mmCIF file of all heavy atoms, coordinates in Angstrom:
data_MODEL
# 
_entry.id   MODEL 
# 
loop_
_atom_site.group_PDB 
_atom_site.id 
_atom_site.type_symbol 
_atom_site.label_atom_id 
_atom_site.label_alt_id 
_atom_site.label_comp_id 
_atom_site.label_asym_id 
_atom_site.label_entity_id 
_atom_site.label_seq_id 
_atom_site.pdbx_PDB_ins_code 
_atom_site.Cartn_x 
_atom_site.Cartn_y 
_atom_site.Cartn_z 
_atom_site.occupancy 
_atom_site.B_iso_or_equiv 
_atom_site.pdbx_formal_charge 
_atom_site.auth_seq_id 
_atom_site.auth_comp_id 
_atom_site.auth_asym_id 
_atom_site.auth_atom_id 
_atom_site.pdbx_PDB_model_num 
ATOM 1   N N   . ALA A 1 1  ? 100.943 114.975 101.973 1.00 0.00 ? 1  ALA A N   1 
ATOM 2   C CA  . ALA A 1 1  ? 100.393 115.581 103.170 1.00 0.00 ? 1  ALA A CA  1 
ATOM 3   C C   . ALA A 1 1  ? 99.055  114.968 103.644 1.00 0.00 ? 1  ALA A C   1 
ATOM 4   O O   . ALA A 1 1  ? 98.728  114.914 104.846 1.00 0.00 ? 1  ALA A O   1 
ATOM 5   C CB  . ALA A 1 1  ? 100.330 117.075 103.143 1.00 0.00 ? 1  ALA A CB  1 
ATOM 6   N N   . ALA A 1 2  ? 98.341  114.558 102.663 1.00 0.00 ? 2  ALA A N   1 
ATOM 7   C CA  . ALA A 1 2  ? 96.920  113.938 102.984 1.00 0.00 ? 2  ALA A CA  1 
ATOM 8   C C   . ALA A 1 2  ? 96.980  112.551 103.326 1.00 0.00 ? 2  ALA A C   1 
ATOM 9   O O   . ALA A 1 2  ? 96.002  111.962 103.918 1.00 0.00 ? 2  ALA A O   1 
ATOM 10  C CB  . ALA A 1 2  ? 96.089  114.168 101.720 1.00 0.00 ? 2  ALA A CB  1 
ATOM 11  N N   . ARG A 1 3  ? 98.108  111.828 103.097 1.00 0.00 ? 3  ARG A N   1 
ATOM 12  C CA  . ARG A 1 3  ? 98.178  110.375 103.317 1.00 0.00 ? 3  ARG A CA  1 
ATOM 13  C C   . ARG A 1 3  ? 97.738  109.942 104.761 1.00 0.00 ? 3  ARG A C   1 
ATOM 14  O O   . ARG A 1 3  ? 96.958  108.957 104.861 1.00 0.00 ? 3  ARG A O   1 
ATOM 15  C CB  . ARG A 1 3  ? 99.600  109.894 103.049 1.00 0.00 ? 3  ARG A CB  1 
ATOM 16  C CG  . ARG A 1 3  ? 99.641  108.383 102.918 1.00 0.00 ? 3  ARG A CG  1 
ATOM 17  C CD  . ARG A 1 3  ? 101.009 107.818 102.487 1.00 0.00 ? 3  ARG A CD  1 
ATOM 18  N NE  . ARG A 1 3  ? 101.417 108.172 101.169 1.00 0.00 ? 3  ARG A NE  1 
ATOM 19  C CZ  . ARG A 1 3  ? 101.085 107.504 100.110 1.00 0.00 ? 3  ARG A CZ  1 
ATOM 20  N NH1 . ARG A 1 3  ? 100.273 106.399 100.259 1.00 0.00 ? 3  ARG A NH1 1 
ATOM 21  N NH2 . ARG A 1 3  ? 101.461 107.831 98.896  1.00 0.00 ? 3  ARG A NH2 1 
ATOM 22  N N   . PRO A 1 4  ? 98.060  110.582 105.820 1.00 0.00 ? 4  PRO A N   1 
ATOM 23  C CA  . PRO A 1 4  ? 97.660  110.091 107.179 1.00 0.00 ? 4  PRO A CA  1 
ATOM 24  C C   . PRO A 1 4  ? 96.091  110.188 107.343 1.00 0.00 ? 4  PRO A C   1 
ATOM 25  O O   . PRO A 1 4  ? 95.623  109.569 108.247 1.00 0.00 ? 4  PRO A O   1 
ATOM 26  C CB  . PRO A 1 4  ? 98.333  111.052 108.095 1.00 0.00 ? 4  PRO A CB  1 
ATOM 27  C CG  . PRO A 1 4  ? 99.482  111.729 107.347 1.00 0.00 ? 4  PRO A CG  1 
ATOM 28  C CD  . PRO A 1 4  ? 99.055  111.643 105.972 1.00 0.00 ? 4  PRO A CD  1 
ATOM 29  N N   . TYR A 1 5  ? 95.437  111.063 106.456 1.00 0.00 ? 5  TYR A N   1 
ATOM 30  C CA  . TYR A 1 5  ? 93.975  111.232 106.811 1.00 0.00 ? 5  TYR A CA  1 
ATOM 31  C C   . TYR A 1 5  ? 93.148  110.591 105.719 1.00 0.00 ? 5  TYR A C   1 
ATOM 32  O O   . TYR A 1 5  ? 91.899  110.722 105.798 1.00 0.00 ? 5  TYR A O   1 
ATOM 33  C CB  . TYR A 1 5  ? 93.788  112.758 106.832 1.00 0.00 ? 5  TYR A CB  1 
ATOM 34  C CG  . TYR A 1 5  ? 94.712  113.463 107.702 1.00 0.00 ? 5  TYR A CG  1 
ATOM 35  C CD1 . TYR A 1 5  ? 95.802  114.199 107.161 1.00 0.00 ? 5  TYR A CD1 1 
ATOM 36  C CD2 . TYR A 1 5  ? 94.608  113.435 109.066 1.00 0.00 ? 5  TYR A CD2 1 
ATOM 37  C CE1 . TYR A 1 5  ? 96.732  114.828 107.939 1.00 0.00 ? 5  TYR A CE1 1 
ATOM 38  C CE2 . TYR A 1 5  ? 95.546  114.146 109.896 1.00 0.00 ? 5  TYR A CE2 1 
ATOM 39  C CZ  . TYR A 1 5  ? 96.599  114.794 109.329 1.00 0.00 ? 5  TYR A CZ  1 
ATOM 40  O OH  . TYR A 1 5  ? 97.486  115.437 110.165 1.00 0.00 ? 5  TYR A OH  1 
ATOM 41  N N   . GLU A 1 6  ? 93.678  109.999 104.695 1.00 0.00 ? 6  GLU A N   1 
ATOM 42  C CA  . GLU A 1 6  ? 92.919  109.552 103.585 1.00 0.00 ? 6  GLU A CA  1 
ATOM 43  C C   . GLU A 1 6  ? 91.806  108.542 103.912 1.00 0.00 ? 6  GLU A C   1 
ATOM 44  O O   . GLU A 1 6  ? 90.782  108.521 103.248 1.00 0.00 ? 6  GLU A O   1 
ATOM 45  C CB  . GLU A 1 6  ? 93.868  108.861 102.522 1.00 0.00 ? 6  GLU A CB  1 
ATOM 46  C CG  . GLU A 1 6  ? 94.687  109.905 101.894 1.00 0.00 ? 6  GLU A CG  1 
ATOM 47  C CD  . GLU A 1 6  ? 95.783  109.387 101.075 1.00 0.00 ? 6  GLU A CD  1 
ATOM 48  O OE1 . GLU A 1 6  ? 96.187  108.182 101.214 1.00 0.00 ? 6  GLU A OE1 1 
ATOM 49  O OE2 . GLU A 1 6  ? 96.350  110.103 100.271 1.00 0.00 ? 6  GLU A OE2 1 
ATOM 50  N N   . LEU A 1 7  ? 92.021  107.669 104.794 1.00 0.00 ? 7  LEU A N   1 
ATOM 51  C CA  . LEU A 1 7  ? 91.042  106.609 105.081 1.00 0.00 ? 7  LEU A CA  1 
ATOM 52  C C   . LEU A 1 7  ? 90.079  107.035 106.215 1.00 0.00 ? 7  LEU A C   1 
ATOM 53  O O   . LEU A 1 7  ? 89.151  106.256 106.575 1.00 0.00 ? 7  LEU A O   1 
ATOM 54  C CB  . LEU A 1 7  ? 91.733  105.358 105.507 1.00 0.00 ? 7  LEU A CB  1 
ATOM 55  C CG  . LEU A 1 7  ? 92.696  104.748 104.426 1.00 0.00 ? 7  LEU A CG  1 
ATOM 56  C CD1 . LEU A 1 7  ? 93.402  103.466 104.904 1.00 0.00 ? 7  LEU A CD1 1 
ATOM 57  C CD2 . LEU A 1 7  ? 91.887  104.445 103.127 1.00 0.00 ? 7  LEU A CD2 1 
ATOM 58  N N   . GLY A 1 8  ? 90.209  108.284 106.747 1.00 0.00 ? 8  GLY A N   1 
ATOM 59  C CA  . GLY A 1 8  ? 89.251  108.733 107.714 1.00 0.00 ? 8  GLY A CA  1 
ATOM 60  C C   . GLY A 1 8  ? 87.977  109.205 107.067 1.00 0.00 ? 8  GLY A C   1 
ATOM 61  O O   . GLY A 1 8  ? 87.951  109.514 105.955 1.00 0.00 ? 8  GLY A O   1 
ATOM 62  N N   . LEU A 1 9  ? 86.910  109.138 107.882 1.00 0.00 ? 9  LEU A N   1 
ATOM 63  C CA  . LEU A 1 9  ? 85.600  109.410 107.382 1.00 0.00 ? 9  LEU A CA  1 
ATOM 64  C C   . LEU A 1 9  ? 85.073  110.703 108.073 1.00 0.00 ? 9  LEU A C   1 
ATOM 65  O O   . LEU A 1 9  ? 85.062  110.712 109.321 1.00 0.00 ? 9  LEU A O   1 
ATOM 66  C CB  . LEU A 1 9  ? 84.558  108.331 107.618 1.00 0.00 ? 9  LEU A CB  1 
ATOM 67  C CG  . LEU A 1 9  ? 84.865  106.993 106.922 1.00 0.00 ? 9  LEU A CG  1 
ATOM 68  C CD1 . LEU A 1 9  ? 83.862  106.000 107.372 1.00 0.00 ? 9  LEU A CD1 1 
ATOM 69  C CD2 . LEU A 1 9  ? 84.871  107.112 105.501 1.00 0.00 ? 9  LEU A CD2 1 
ATOM 70  N N   . PRO A 1 10 ? 84.730  111.701 107.340 1.00 0.00 ? 10 PRO A N   1 
ATOM 71  C CA  . PRO A 1 10 ? 84.181  112.962 108.070 1.00 0.00 ? 10 PRO A CA  1 
ATOM 72  C C   . PRO A 1 10 ? 82.910  112.594 108.653 1.00 0.00 ? 10 PRO A C   1 
ATOM 73  O O   . PRO A 1 10 ? 81.992  111.992 108.045 1.00 0.00 ? 10 PRO A O   1 
ATOM 74  C CB  . PRO A 1 10 ? 84.081  113.931 106.869 1.00 0.00 ? 10 PRO A CB  1 
ATOM 75  C CG  . PRO A 1 10 ? 84.318  113.183 105.624 1.00 0.00 ? 10 PRO A CG  1 
ATOM 76  C CD  . PRO A 1 10 ? 84.828  111.879 105.946 1.00 0.00 ? 10 PRO A CD  1 
ATOM 77  N N   . PRO A 1 11 ? 82.716  112.912 109.901 1.00 0.00 ? 11 PRO A N   1 
ATOM 78  C CA  . PRO A 1 11 ? 81.512  112.493 110.651 1.00 0.00 ? 11 PRO A CA  1 
ATOM 79  C C   . PRO A 1 11 ? 80.206  112.920 109.993 1.00 0.00 ? 11 PRO A C   1 
ATOM 80  O O   . PRO A 1 11 ? 79.157  112.291 110.019 1.00 0.00 ? 11 PRO A O   1 
ATOM 81  C CB  . PRO A 1 11 ? 81.652  113.066 112.058 1.00 0.00 ? 11 PRO A CB  1 
ATOM 82  C CG  . PRO A 1 11 ? 82.918  113.790 112.066 1.00 0.00 ? 11 PRO A CG  1 
ATOM 83  C CD  . PRO A 1 11 ? 83.642  113.680 110.759 1.00 0.00 ? 11 PRO A CD  1 
ATOM 84  N N   . GLN A 1 12 ? 80.209  114.152 109.330 1.00 0.00 ? 12 GLN A N   1 
ATOM 85  C CA  . GLN A 1 12 ? 78.992  114.648 108.827 1.00 0.00 ? 12 GLN A CA  1 
ATOM 86  C C   . GLN A 1 12 ? 78.595  113.905 107.526 1.00 0.00 ? 12 GLN A C   1 
ATOM 87  O O   . GLN A 1 12 ? 77.472  113.946 107.117 1.00 0.00 ? 12 GLN A O   1 
ATOM 88  C CB  . GLN A 1 12 ? 79.101  116.207 108.513 1.00 0.00 ? 12 GLN A CB  1 
ATOM 89  C CG  . GLN A 1 12 ? 80.125  116.544 107.423 1.00 0.00 ? 12 GLN A CG  1 
ATOM 90  C CD  . GLN A 1 12 ? 81.538  116.720 107.913 1.00 0.00 ? 12 GLN A CD  1 
ATOM 91  O OE1 . GLN A 1 12 ? 81.971  116.170 108.924 1.00 0.00 ? 12 GLN A OE1 1 
ATOM 92  N NE2 . GLN A 1 12 ? 82.343  117.376 107.121 1.00 0.00 ? 12 GLN A NE2 1 
ATOM 93  N N   . LEU A 1 13 ? 79.536  113.228 106.862 1.00 0.00 ? 13 LEU A N   1 
ATOM 94  C CA  . LEU A 1 13 ? 79.253  112.498 105.611 1.00 0.00 ? 13 LEU A CA  1 
ATOM 95  C C   . LEU A 1 13 ? 79.144  111.061 105.883 1.00 0.00 ? 13 LEU A C   1 
ATOM 96  O O   . LEU A 1 13 ? 78.311  110.370 105.160 1.00 0.00 ? 13 LEU A O   1 
ATOM 97  C CB  . LEU A 1 13 ? 80.264  112.748 104.554 1.00 0.00 ? 13 LEU A CB  1 
ATOM 98  C CG  . LEU A 1 13 ? 80.446  114.213 104.175 1.00 0.00 ? 13 LEU A CG  1 
ATOM 99  C CD1 . LEU A 1 13 ? 81.623  114.358 103.177 1.00 0.00 ? 13 LEU A CD1 1 
ATOM 100 C CD2 . LEU A 1 13 ? 79.179  114.683 103.530 1.00 0.00 ? 13 LEU A CD2 1 
ATOM 101 N N   . GLN A 1 14 ? 79.831  110.462 106.719 1.00 0.00 ? 14 GLN A N   1 
ATOM 102 C CA  . GLN A 1 14 ? 79.920  109.013 106.907 1.00 0.00 ? 14 GLN A CA  1 
ATOM 103 C C   . GLN A 1 14 ? 80.316  108.198 105.771 1.00 0.00 ? 14 GLN A C   1 
ATOM 104 O O   . GLN A 1 14 ? 80.126  106.944 105.696 1.00 0.00 ? 14 GLN A O   1 
ATOM 105 C CB  . GLN A 1 14 ? 78.553  108.514 107.514 1.00 0.00 ? 14 GLN A CB  1 
ATOM 106 C CG  . GLN A 1 14 ? 78.242  109.082 108.840 1.00 0.00 ? 14 GLN A CG  1 
ATOM 107 C CD  . GLN A 1 14 ? 79.219  108.806 109.955 1.00 0.00 ? 14 GLN A CD  1 
ATOM 108 O OE1 . GLN A 1 14 ? 79.629  107.700 110.041 1.00 0.00 ? 14 GLN A OE1 1 
ATOM 109 N NE2 . GLN A 1 14 ? 79.658  109.877 110.620 1.00 0.00 ? 14 GLN A NE2 1 
ATOM 110 N N   . VAL A 1 15 ? 80.881  108.865 104.743 1.00 0.00 ? 15 VAL A N   1 
ATOM 111 C CA  . VAL A 1 15 ? 81.401  108.175 103.550 1.00 0.00 ? 15 VAL A CA  1 
ATOM 112 C C   . VAL A 1 15 ? 82.749  108.894 103.205 1.00 0.00 ? 15 VAL A C   1 
ATOM 113 O O   . VAL A 1 15 ? 82.806  110.090 103.555 1.00 0.00 ? 15 VAL A O   1 
ATOM 114 C CB  . VAL A 1 15 ? 80.442  108.156 102.363 1.00 0.00 ? 15 VAL A CB  1 
ATOM 115 C CG1 . VAL A 1 15 ? 79.243  107.250 102.727 1.00 0.00 ? 15 VAL A CG1 1 
ATOM 116 C CG2 . VAL A 1 15 ? 80.089  109.483 101.923 1.00 0.00 ? 15 VAL A CG2 1 
ATOM 117 N N   . GLY A 1 16 ? 83.587  108.267 102.497 1.00 0.00 ? 16 GLY A N   1 
ATOM 118 C CA  . GLY A 1 16 ? 84.760  108.887 101.967 1.00 0.00 ? 16 GLY A CA  1 
ATOM 119 C C   . GLY A 1 16 ? 84.857  108.743 100.484 1.00 0.00 ? 16 GLY A C   1 
ATOM 120 O O   . GLY A 1 16 ? 84.049  107.858 99.887  1.00 0.00 ? 16 GLY A O   1 
ATOM 121 N N   . THR A 1 17 ? 85.681  109.404 99.833  1.00 0.00 ? 17 THR A N   1 
ATOM 122 C CA  . THR A 1 17 ? 85.800  109.326 98.443  1.00 0.00 ? 17 THR A CA  1 
ATOM 123 C C   . THR A 1 17 ? 87.223  108.854 97.965  1.00 0.00 ? 17 THR A C   1 
ATOM 124 O O   . THR A 1 17 ? 87.352  108.353 96.873  1.00 0.00 ? 17 THR A O   1 
ATOM 125 C CB  . THR A 1 17 ? 85.504  110.663 97.723  1.00 0.00 ? 17 THR A CB  1 
ATOM 126 O OG1 . THR A 1 17 ? 86.413  111.617 98.268  1.00 0.00 ? 17 THR A OG1 1 
ATOM 127 C CG2 . THR A 1 17 ? 84.045  111.063 98.032  1.00 0.00 ? 17 THR A CG2 1 
ATOM 128 N N   . LEU A 1 18 ? 88.215  108.969 98.882  1.00 0.00 ? 18 LEU A N   1 
ATOM 129 C CA  . LEU A 1 18 ? 89.587  108.632 98.579  1.00 0.00 ? 18 LEU A CA  1 
ATOM 130 C C   . LEU A 1 18 ? 90.130  109.372 97.426  1.00 0.00 ? 18 LEU A C   1 
ATOM 131 O O   . LEU A 1 18 ? 91.031  108.921 96.701  1.00 0.00 ? 18 LEU A O   1 
ATOM 132 C CB  . LEU A 1 18 ? 89.774  107.069 98.355  1.00 0.00 ? 18 LEU A CB  1 
ATOM 133 C CG  . LEU A 1 18 ? 89.187  106.285 99.548  1.00 0.00 ? 18 LEU A CG  1 
ATOM 134 C CD1 . LEU A 1 18 ? 89.451  104.797 99.221  1.00 0.00 ? 18 LEU A CD1 1 
ATOM 135 C CD2 . LEU A 1 18 ? 89.786  106.679 100.881 1.00 0.00 ? 18 LEU A CD2 1 
ATOM 136 N N   . TYR A 1 19 ? 89.579  110.603 97.193  1.00 0.00 ? 19 TYR A N   1 
ATOM 137 C CA  . TYR A 1 19 ? 90.131  111.458 96.046  1.00 0.00 ? 19 TYR A CA  1 
ATOM 138 C C   . TYR A 1 19 ? 91.657  111.678 96.153  1.00 0.00 ? 19 TYR A C   1 
ATOM 139 O O   . TYR A 1 19 ? 92.213  111.691 95.053  1.00 0.00 ? 19 TYR A O   1 
ATOM 140 C CB  . TYR A 1 19 ? 89.371  112.699 95.931  1.00 0.00 ? 19 TYR A CB  1 
ATOM 141 C CG  . TYR A 1 19 ? 87.993  112.628 95.294  1.00 0.00 ? 19 TYR A CG  1 
ATOM 142 C CD1 . TYR A 1 19 ? 86.789  112.950 95.875  1.00 0.00 ? 19 TYR A CD1 1 
ATOM 143 C CD2 . TYR A 1 19 ? 87.938  112.050 94.013  1.00 0.00 ? 19 TYR A CD2 1 
ATOM 144 C CE1 . TYR A 1 19 ? 85.594  112.817 95.328  1.00 0.00 ? 19 TYR A CE1 1 
ATOM 145 C CE2 . TYR A 1 19 ? 86.647  111.926 93.451  1.00 0.00 ? 19 TYR A CE2 1 
ATOM 146 C CZ  . TYR A 1 19 ? 85.472  112.296 94.092  1.00 0.00 ? 19 TYR A CZ  1 
ATOM 147 O OH  . TYR A 1 19 ? 84.260  112.098 93.519  1.00 0.00 ? 19 TYR A OH  1 
ATOM 148 N N   . PRO A 1 20 ? 92.122  111.953 97.264  1.00 0.00 ? 20 PRO A N   1 
ATOM 149 C CA  . PRO A 1 20 ? 93.662  112.161 97.364  1.00 0.00 ? 20 PRO A CA  1 
ATOM 150 C C   . PRO A 1 20 ? 94.426  110.959 96.814  1.00 0.00 ? 20 PRO A C   1 
ATOM 151 O O   . PRO A 1 20 ? 95.357  111.170 96.014  1.00 0.00 ? 20 PRO A O   1 
ATOM 152 C CB  . PRO A 1 20 ? 93.999  112.437 98.783  1.00 0.00 ? 20 PRO A CB  1 
ATOM 153 C CG  . PRO A 1 20 ? 92.722  112.896 99.358  1.00 0.00 ? 20 PRO A CG  1 
ATOM 154 C CD  . PRO A 1 20 ? 91.613  112.218 98.643  1.00 0.00 ? 20 PRO A CD  1 
ATOM 155 N N   . ILE A 1 21 ? 93.987  109.741 97.130  1.00 0.00 ? 21 ILE A N   1 
ATOM 156 C CA  . ILE A 1 21 ? 94.662  108.539 96.602  1.00 0.00 ? 21 ILE A CA  1 
ATOM 157 C C   . ILE A 1 21 ? 94.466  108.506 95.051  1.00 0.00 ? 21 ILE A C   1 
ATOM 158 O O   . ILE A 1 21 ? 95.395  108.284 94.366  1.00 0.00 ? 21 ILE A O   1 
ATOM 159 C CB  . ILE A 1 21 ? 94.125  107.319 97.290  1.00 0.00 ? 21 ILE A CB  1 
ATOM 160 C CG1 . ILE A 1 21 ? 94.342  107.441 98.777  1.00 0.00 ? 21 ILE A CG1 1 
ATOM 161 C CG2 . ILE A 1 21 ? 94.772  106.098 96.664  1.00 0.00 ? 21 ILE A CG2 1 
ATOM 162 C CD1 . ILE A 1 21 ? 93.614  106.315 99.568  1.00 0.00 ? 21 ILE A CD1 1 
ATOM 163 N N   . PHE A 1 22 ? 93.299  108.811 94.584  1.00 0.00 ? 22 PHE A N   1 
ATOM 164 C CA  . PHE A 1 22 ? 93.023  108.710 93.230  1.00 0.00 ? 22 PHE A CA  1 
ATOM 165 C C   . PHE A 1 22 ? 93.839  109.732 92.413  1.00 0.00 ? 22 PHE A C   1 
ATOM 166 O O   . PHE A 1 22 ? 94.410  109.394 91.406  1.00 0.00 ? 22 PHE A O   1 
ATOM 167 C CB  . PHE A 1 22 ? 91.436  108.908 92.899  1.00 0.00 ? 22 PHE A CB  1 
ATOM 168 C CG  . PHE A 1 22 ? 91.074  108.820 91.478  1.00 0.00 ? 22 PHE A CG  1 
ATOM 169 C CD1 . PHE A 1 22 ? 91.005  107.636 90.858  1.00 0.00 ? 22 PHE A CD1 1 
ATOM 170 C CD2 . PHE A 1 22 ? 90.787  109.946 90.742  1.00 0.00 ? 22 PHE A CD2 1 
ATOM 171 C CE1 . PHE A 1 22 ? 90.625  107.508 89.524  1.00 0.00 ? 22 PHE A CE1 1 
ATOM 172 C CE2 . PHE A 1 22 ? 90.473  109.873 89.422  1.00 0.00 ? 22 PHE A CE2 1 
ATOM 173 C CZ  . PHE A 1 22 ? 90.363  108.711 88.827  1.00 0.00 ? 22 PHE A CZ  1 
ATOM 174 N N   . VAL A 1 23 ? 93.841  110.949 92.880  1.00 0.00 ? 23 VAL A N   1 
ATOM 175 C CA  . VAL A 1 23 ? 94.601  112.014 92.139  1.00 0.00 ? 23 VAL A CA  1 
ATOM 176 C C   . VAL A 1 23 ? 96.093  111.668 92.193  1.00 0.00 ? 23 VAL A C   1 
ATOM 177 O O   . VAL A 1 23 ? 96.816  111.920 91.243  1.00 0.00 ? 23 VAL A O   1 
ATOM 178 C CB  . VAL A 1 23 ? 94.300  113.319 92.766  1.00 0.00 ? 23 VAL A CB  1 
ATOM 179 C CG1 . VAL A 1 23 ? 95.203  114.419 92.170  1.00 0.00 ? 23 VAL A CG1 1 
ATOM 180 C CG2 . VAL A 1 23 ? 92.813  113.782 92.590  1.00 0.00 ? 23 VAL A CG2 1 
ATOM 181 N N   . ARG A 1 24 ? 96.582  111.139 93.307  1.00 0.00 ? 24 ARG A N   1 
ATOM 182 C CA  . ARG A 1 24 ? 97.969  110.745 93.374  1.00 0.00 ? 24 ARG A CA  1 
ATOM 183 C C   . ARG A 1 24 ? 98.299  109.647 92.379  1.00 0.00 ? 24 ARG A C   1 
ATOM 184 O O   . ARG A 1 24 ? 99.307  109.769 91.638  1.00 0.00 ? 24 ARG A O   1 
ATOM 185 C CB  . ARG A 1 24 ? 98.394  110.239 94.804  1.00 0.00 ? 24 ARG A CB  1 
ATOM 186 C CG  . ARG A 1 24 ? 99.845  110.247 95.006  1.00 0.00 ? 24 ARG A CG  1 
ATOM 187 C CD  . ARG A 1 24 ? 100.287 110.055 96.440  1.00 0.00 ? 24 ARG A CD  1 
ATOM 188 N NE  . ARG A 1 24 ? 99.452  109.184 97.243  1.00 0.00 ? 24 ARG A NE  1 
ATOM 189 C CZ  . ARG A 1 24 ? 98.628  109.571 98.228  1.00 0.00 ? 24 ARG A CZ  1 
ATOM 190 N NH1 . ARG A 1 24 ? 98.624  110.808 98.596  1.00 0.00 ? 24 ARG A NH1 1 
ATOM 191 N NH2 . ARG A 1 24 ? 97.971  108.671 98.852  1.00 0.00 ? 24 ARG A NH2 1 
ATOM 192 N N   . GLY A 1 25 ? 97.386  108.709 92.251  1.00 0.00 ? 25 GLY A N   1 
ATOM 193 C CA  . GLY A 1 25 ? 97.491  107.609 91.286  1.00 0.00 ? 25 GLY A CA  1 
ATOM 194 C C   . GLY A 1 25 ? 97.542  108.198 89.836  1.00 0.00 ? 25 GLY A C   1 
ATOM 195 O O   . GLY A 1 25 ? 98.330  107.836 88.963  1.00 0.00 ? 25 GLY A O   1 
ATOM 196 N N   . GLN A 1 26 ? 96.724  109.172 89.616  1.00 0.00 ? 26 GLN A N   1 
ATOM 197 C CA  . GLN A 1 26 ? 96.660  109.821 88.290  1.00 0.00 ? 26 GLN A CA  1 
ATOM 198 C C   . GLN A 1 26 ? 97.958  110.531 87.965  1.00 0.00 ? 26 GLN A C   1 
ATOM 199 O O   . GLN A 1 26 ? 98.520  110.488 86.845  1.00 0.00 ? 26 GLN A O   1 
ATOM 200 C CB  . GLN A 1 26 ? 95.521  110.854 88.261  1.00 0.00 ? 26 GLN A CB  1 
ATOM 201 C CG  . GLN A 1 26 ? 94.141  110.328 88.236  1.00 0.00 ? 26 GLN A CG  1 
ATOM 202 C CD  . GLN A 1 26 ? 93.752  109.794 86.835  1.00 0.00 ? 26 GLN A CD  1 
ATOM 203 O OE1 . GLN A 1 26 ? 93.852  110.571 85.821  1.00 0.00 ? 26 GLN A OE1 1 
ATOM 204 N NE2 . GLN A 1 26 ? 93.287  108.582 86.749  1.00 0.00 ? 26 GLN A NE2 1 
# 
């Protein structure tokens, strides 16, 4: 469910972590 949003950056942070991708890989 997170896949469509994974590469988006929250405006308040201006950085992403890609945690959903990492956890899926795990």
